[in-house]
C-alpha cells in the first residue's frame, strides 16, 4: 500500500502504483502515472502526461513533465516517459515533447540524473545514462546507452551522442559524437575512445586494438576526412563497434560531426 503524506496534493485521475512513497508537499497532476515502489521525497512536481517507471527515486524540487521551452508550443497533449530504476536528484527538470518533435520525451531505465540536470523537449535518452551536476540537453537530442555527461556541460539541440560516450565537464557540445567517443574542451573536441567505458562493457584487449586501429586510420590518417571515411567502410566487418560507428556517421543529419583538434577538417 502506498504512503502519501497529508500535505501532498494528488489530483483526481493520477495513477499511483503499489508501495509508493509520496512525500511532503509533492504535487501530482491528473495525467501522471507513477510506477510501483517509486519514492518522491518531498516538493516534487509531476505535471502533464508523465509516466514514471517502477522503483524510481526522486529528490526534492525535481520538476517532471513541464511544458517544453519552445516558443511554438501551444499546450498540446504531449508526453514524458521515464524508465524504471532511475535516480533523479535535487532540482532536475525534464519536459514533455512537442508535436513537431514527435510528441514525446523519453528517458531510458537506470539513469542517474544529478542535481539541476535538464532533459529538454523531444529528447531520447538511452538506458544507464549518467548526467552530472547541471548537465543540460537542448531539445531533440538523441543520447545512447551508457553515456556520461560531465558537470556543467551543455548539448546543442538536435545533437546525437552515440552509445558509451564520455563527455567531460564544462563542455559545449555542438556536433554529433561517435559511439565510444571521449570528448573534452570548452567547445567539445574528440580526444579519443572511451577506453575505460569499453573495458567496463567487457571489450577484450584484442577488440580494443582493432577499434583503436580503426579510430587512428579514420581520424588521423592521410588525406581528407571524406577520403578516410570512404576507405574505412570495409572495416565494418572487423568488429561490431566499428560497424556501429560507421552507421552512426552515415546517419548524420542536423549537426556536424565532432572531430579531433580544432574540427577544421570537415571535408
Protein backbone atom coordinates (compact mmCIF):
# COMPACT_ATOMS: atom_id res chain seq x y z
CA UNK A 1 0.00 0.00 0.00
CA UNK A 2 1.32 3.43 -0.95
CA UNK A 3 2.04 6.10 1.64
CA UNK A 4 1.03 9.63 0.72
CA UNK A 5 1.92 12.47 3.05
CA UNK A 6 -1.13 14.55 4.11
CA UNK A 7 0.49 17.70 2.72
CA UNK A 8 0.91 16.21 -0.77
CA UNK A 9 -1.59 17.07 -3.50
CA UNK A 10 -2.54 14.18 -5.77
CA UNK A 11 -5.09 15.17 -8.41
CA UNK A 12 -8.05 13.02 -9.34
CA UNK A 13 -7.07 10.82 -12.27
CA UNK A 14 -3.43 10.38 -11.26
CA UNK A 15 -2.30 6.76 -11.06
CA UNK A 16 -0.06 5.82 -8.13
CA UNK A 17 1.45 2.32 -8.19
CA UNK A 18 1.73 -0.08 -5.28
CA UNK A 19 4.10 0.63 -2.38
CA UNK A 20 4.98 4.16 -3.44
CA UNK A 21 6.02 6.93 -1.06
CA UNK A 22 4.77 10.41 -1.93
CA UNK A 23 6.47 12.80 0.47
CA UNK A 24 5.58 16.21 1.90
CA UNK A 25 4.34 18.92 -0.46
CA UNK A 26 4.59 16.86 -3.63
CA UNK A 27 2.16 17.88 -6.39
CA UNK A 28 0.96 15.18 -8.79
CA UNK A 29 -1.14 16.20 -11.79
CA UNK A 30 -4.22 14.39 -13.11
CA UNK A 31 -2.46 12.75 -16.07
CA UNK A 32 0.56 11.41 -14.17
CA UNK A 33 1.28 7.69 -13.91
CA UNK A 34 3.79 6.68 -11.23
CA UNK A 35 5.06 3.11 -11.19
CA UNK A 36 5.24 0.75 -8.25
CA UNK A 37 7.71 1.32 -5.40
CA UNK A 38 8.68 4.83 -6.51
CA UNK A 39 9.81 7.29 -3.86
CA UNK A 40 9.19 11.01 -4.22
CA UNK A 41 10.98 12.53 -1.23
CA UNK A 42 9.40 15.99 -0.94
CA UNK A 43 8.42 19.04 -3.02
CA UNK A 44 8.40 17.03 -6.27
CA UNK A 45 6.21 18.29 -9.11
CA UNK A 46 4.89 15.82 -11.69
CA UNK A 47 2.90 17.63 -14.38
CA UNK A 48 1.43 16.87 -17.77
CA UNK A 49 1.17 13.41 -19.31
CA UNK A 50 4.12 11.96 -17.46
CA UNK A 51 4.80 8.26 -16.90
CA UNK A 52 7.44 7.21 -14.37
CA UNK A 53 8.68 3.62 -14.31
CA UNK A 54 8.86 1.44 -11.21
CA UNK A 55 11.35 1.95 -8.38
CA UNK A 56 12.47 5.44 -9.34
CA UNK A 57 13.93 7.65 -6.61
CA UNK A 58 13.15 11.36 -6.98
CA UNK A 59 14.67 14.03 -4.74
CA UNK A 60 13.22 17.36 -3.59
CA UNK A 61 12.42 20.16 -6.04
CA UNK A 62 12.51 17.98 -9.13
CA UNK A 63 10.08 19.11 -11.85
CA UNK A 64 8.88 16.49 -14.35
CA UNK A 65 6.53 16.95 -17.29
CA UNK A 66 6.62 20.72 -17.50
CA UNK A 67 5.82 22.47 -20.78
CA UNK A 68 8.54 22.47 -23.44
CA UNK A 69 10.78 25.51 -23.52
CA UNK A 70 9.79 26.05 -27.13
CA UNK A 71 8.04 29.15 -28.44
CA UNK A 72 5.84 27.12 -30.78
CA UNK A 73 4.23 25.04 -28.02
CA UNK A 74 0.51 25.70 -27.62
CA UNK A 75 -0.44 23.28 -24.86
CA UNK A 76 -0.80 20.16 -26.99
CA UNK A 77 -1.13 16.84 -25.09
CA UNK A 78 2.46 15.65 -25.46
CA UNK A 79 4.27 13.27 -23.11
CA UNK A 80 7.27 12.47 -20.93
CA UNK A 81 8.20 8.83 -20.35
CA UNK A 82 10.81 7.81 -17.75
CA UNK A 83 12.08 4.25 -17.44
CA UNK A 84 12.46 2.05 -14.38
CA UNK A 85 15.02 2.37 -11.59
CA UNK A 86 16.07 5.95 -12.35
CA UNK A 87 17.54 8.27 -9.73
CA UNK A 88 16.68 11.93 -10.24
CA UNK A 89 18.35 14.31 -7.83
CA UNK A 90 17.52 17.75 -6.47
CA UNK A 91 16.30 20.40 -8.88
CA UNK A 92 16.50 18.29 -12.04
CA UNK A 93 13.98 19.07 -14.80
CA UNK A 94 12.54 17.06 -17.70
CA UNK A 95 9.99 18.48 -20.15
CA UNK A 96 7.31 16.87 -22.29
CA UNK A 97 7.73 16.80 -26.07
CA UNK A 98 6.31 18.94 -28.84
CA UNK A 99 4.04 17.93 -31.70
CA UNK A 100 6.64 18.89 -34.31
CA UNK A 101 9.27 16.82 -32.47
CA UNK A 102 7.22 13.62 -32.27
CA UNK A 103 5.24 14.37 -29.13
CA UNK A 104 7.33 12.52 -26.56
CA UNK A 105 10.43 12.98 -24.45
CA UNK A 106 11.76 9.56 -23.50
CA UNK A 107 14.31 8.61 -20.82
CA UNK A 108 15.54 5.03 -20.50
CA UNK A 109 15.97 2.80 -17.47
CA UNK A 110 18.53 3.04 -14.66
CA UNK A 111 19.54 6.62 -15.41
CA UNK A 112 21.26 8.75 -12.78
CA UNK A 113 20.49 12.45 -13.13
CA UNK A 114 22.37 14.62 -10.66
CA UNK A 115 21.19 17.92 -9.24
CA UNK A 116 19.99 20.62 -11.63
CA UNK A 117 20.45 18.48 -14.73
CA UNK A 118 17.97 19.05 -17.57
CA UNK A 119 16.43 16.93 -20.34
CA UNK A 120 14.83 19.16 -22.95
CA UNK A 121 11.74 18.52 -25.04
CA UNK A 122 11.69 15.67 -27.56
CA UNK A 123 14.99 14.22 -26.35
CA UNK A 124 15.53 10.48 -26.44
CA UNK A 125 17.92 9.34 -23.70
CA UNK A 126 19.09 5.73 -23.60
CA UNK A 127 19.42 3.48 -20.57
CA UNK A 128 22.17 3.63 -17.94
CA UNK A 129 22.97 7.27 -18.69
CA UNK A 130 24.66 9.47 -16.08
CA UNK A 131 24.18 13.23 -16.11
CA UNK A 132 26.44 15.07 -13.67
CA UNK A 133 25.51 18.32 -11.91
CA UNK A 134 23.85 20.85 -14.26
CA UNK A 135 24.38 18.73 -17.38
CA UNK A 136 21.90 20.05 -19.94
CA UNK A 137 20.31 18.81 -23.15
CA UNK A 138 18.73 21.15 -25.66
CA UNK A 139 15.64 19.93 -27.45
CA UNK A 140 15.55 16.98 -29.87
CA UNK A 141 18.85 15.41 -28.74
CA UNK A 142 19.40 11.67 -29.06
CA UNK A 143 21.62 10.13 -26.38
CA UNK A 144 22.77 6.50 -26.50
CA UNK A 145 23.07 3.92 -23.72
CA UNK A 146 25.82 4.19 -21.08
CA UNK A 147 26.56 7.84 -21.87
CA UNK A 148 28.19 10.06 -19.24
CA UNK A 149 27.66 13.83 -19.49
CA UNK A 150 30.02 15.82 -17.29
CA UNK A 151 29.03 18.59 -14.91
CA UNK A 152 28.03 21.96 -16.38
CA UNK A 153 28.17 20.56 -19.92
CA UNK A 154 25.51 21.54 -22.45
CA UNK A 155 24.50 19.67 -25.59
CA UNK A 156 23.15 21.71 -28.52
CA UNK A 157 19.65 20.95 -29.78
CA UNK A 158 19.34 18.20 -32.43
CA UNK A 159 22.72 16.73 -31.47
CA UNK A 160 23.28 12.96 -31.39
CA UNK A 161 25.57 11.30 -28.85
CA UNK A 162 26.42 7.67 -29.54
CA UNK A 163 26.43 4.87 -27.00
CA UNK A 164 29.17 4.62 -24.36
CA UNK A 165 30.37 8.20 -24.91
CA UNK A 166 32.04 10.18 -22.15
CA UNK A 167 31.66 13.98 -22.23
CA UNK A 168 33.97 15.88 -19.92
CA UNK A 169 32.93 18.71 -17.62
CA UNK A 170 32.14 22.26 -18.75
CA UNK A 171 31.84 21.27 -22.42
CA UNK A 172 29.74 22.92 -25.08
CA UNK A 173 28.78 20.08 -27.41
CA UNK A 174 27.93 21.40 -30.88
CA UNK A 175 28.46 18.29 -33.01
CA UNK A 176 27.45 14.63 -33.12
CA UNK A 177 29.75 12.38 -31.07
CA UNK A 178 30.58 8.94 -32.41
CA UNK A 179 29.79 5.89 -30.25
CA UNK A 180 32.57 5.09 -27.77
CA UNK A 181 34.00 8.60 -28.14
CA UNK A 182 35.71 10.67 -25.45
CA UNK A 183 35.29 14.44 -25.78
CA UNK A 184 36.57 17.38 -23.80
CA UNK A 185 37.22 21.10 -24.04
CA UNK A 186 35.22 24.33 -23.86
CA UNK A 187 33.82 23.51 -27.30
CA UNK A 188 33.92 19.74 -27.20
CA UNK A 189 36.62 18.06 -29.30
CA UNK A 190 37.08 14.37 -29.88
CA UNK A 191 40.09 13.25 -27.84
CA UNK A 192 39.96 9.51 -28.49
CA UNK A 193 37.96 6.50 -27.41
CA UNK A 194 36.31 5.92 -24.04
CA UNK A 195 38.64 3.03 -23.25
CA UNK A 196 37.64 2.83 -19.58
CA UNK A 197 33.98 2.54 -20.51
CA UNK A 198 34.72 -0.04 -23.19
CA UNK A 199 36.61 -2.17 -20.70
CA UNK A 200 33.68 -1.94 -18.33
CA UNK A 201 31.50 -3.25 -21.15
CA UNK A 202 33.85 -6.28 -21.44
CA UNK A 203 35.83 -5.31 -24.54
CA UNK A 204 38.84 -7.63 -24.74
CA UNK A 205 42.36 -6.39 -25.39
CA UNK A 206 42.18 -7.72 -28.95
CA UNK A 207 38.91 -5.93 -29.65
CA UNK A 208 40.27 -2.69 -28.25
CA UNK A 209 43.31 -2.96 -30.51
CA UNK A 210 41.11 -3.44 -33.59
CA UNK A 211 38.85 -0.49 -32.77
CA UNK A 212 41.82 1.72 -31.86
CA UNK A 213 43.43 0.95 -35.21
CA UNK A 214 40.22 1.90 -37.00
CA UNK A 215 39.97 5.13 -35.00
CA UNK A 216 43.53 6.17 -35.86
CA UNK A 217 43.00 5.42 -39.54
CA UNK A 218 39.72 7.35 -39.68
CA UNK A 219 40.64 10.43 -37.68
CA UNK A 220 44.42 10.70 -38.01
CA UNK A 221 45.29 9.04 -41.32
CA UNK A 222 46.41 10.77 -44.54
CA UNK A 223 44.02 12.58 -46.84
CA UNK A 224 40.77 14.36 -46.13
CA UNK A 225 38.22 13.04 -43.68
CA UNK A 226 35.85 12.19 -46.53
CA UNK A 227 38.55 10.10 -48.20
CA UNK A 228 39.43 8.32 -44.96
CA UNK A 229 35.75 7.63 -44.25
CA UNK A 230 35.30 6.05 -47.66
CA UNK A 231 38.42 3.93 -47.23
CA UNK A 232 37.25 2.76 -43.78
CA UNK A 233 33.93 1.31 -44.94
CA UNK A 234 35.25 -2.27 -45.43
CA UNK A 235 36.45 -2.24 -41.80
CA UNK A 236 32.82 -2.53 -40.65
CA UNK A 237 33.25 -6.29 -40.94
CA UNK A 238 36.17 -6.28 -38.47
CA UNK A 239 34.15 -5.52 -35.31
CA UNK A 240 30.53 -4.63 -34.40
CA UNK A 241 31.72 -1.42 -32.71
CA UNK A 242 33.31 -0.25 -35.96
CA UNK A 243 30.11 -1.01 -37.85
CA UNK A 244 28.16 0.96 -35.23
CA UNK A 245 30.44 3.98 -35.58
CA UNK A 246 30.26 3.97 -39.38
CA UNK A 247 26.48 3.62 -39.33
CA UNK A 248 26.23 6.49 -36.85
CA UNK A 249 28.32 8.75 -39.09
CA UNK A 250 26.28 7.80 -42.14
CA UNK A 251 23.02 8.69 -40.41
CA UNK A 252 24.11 12.23 -39.51
CA UNK A 253 21.59 14.89 -40.44
CA UNK A 254 21.30 18.06 -38.36
CA UNK A 255 24.68 18.63 -36.76
CA UNK A 256 28.31 18.34 -37.96
CA UNK A 257 30.49 15.57 -36.62
CA UNK A 258 32.62 16.29 -33.56
CA UNK A 259 36.22 15.80 -34.73
CA UNK A 260 39.65 15.92 -33.09
CA UNK A 261 41.67 19.11 -32.81
CA UNK A 262 40.01 22.30 -33.91
CA UNK A 263 37.41 20.43 -36.02
CA UNK A 264 38.66 22.25 -39.12
CA UNK A 265 38.77 19.09 -41.27
CA UNK A 266 35.09 18.72 -42.17
CA UNK A 267 35.60 17.73 -45.79
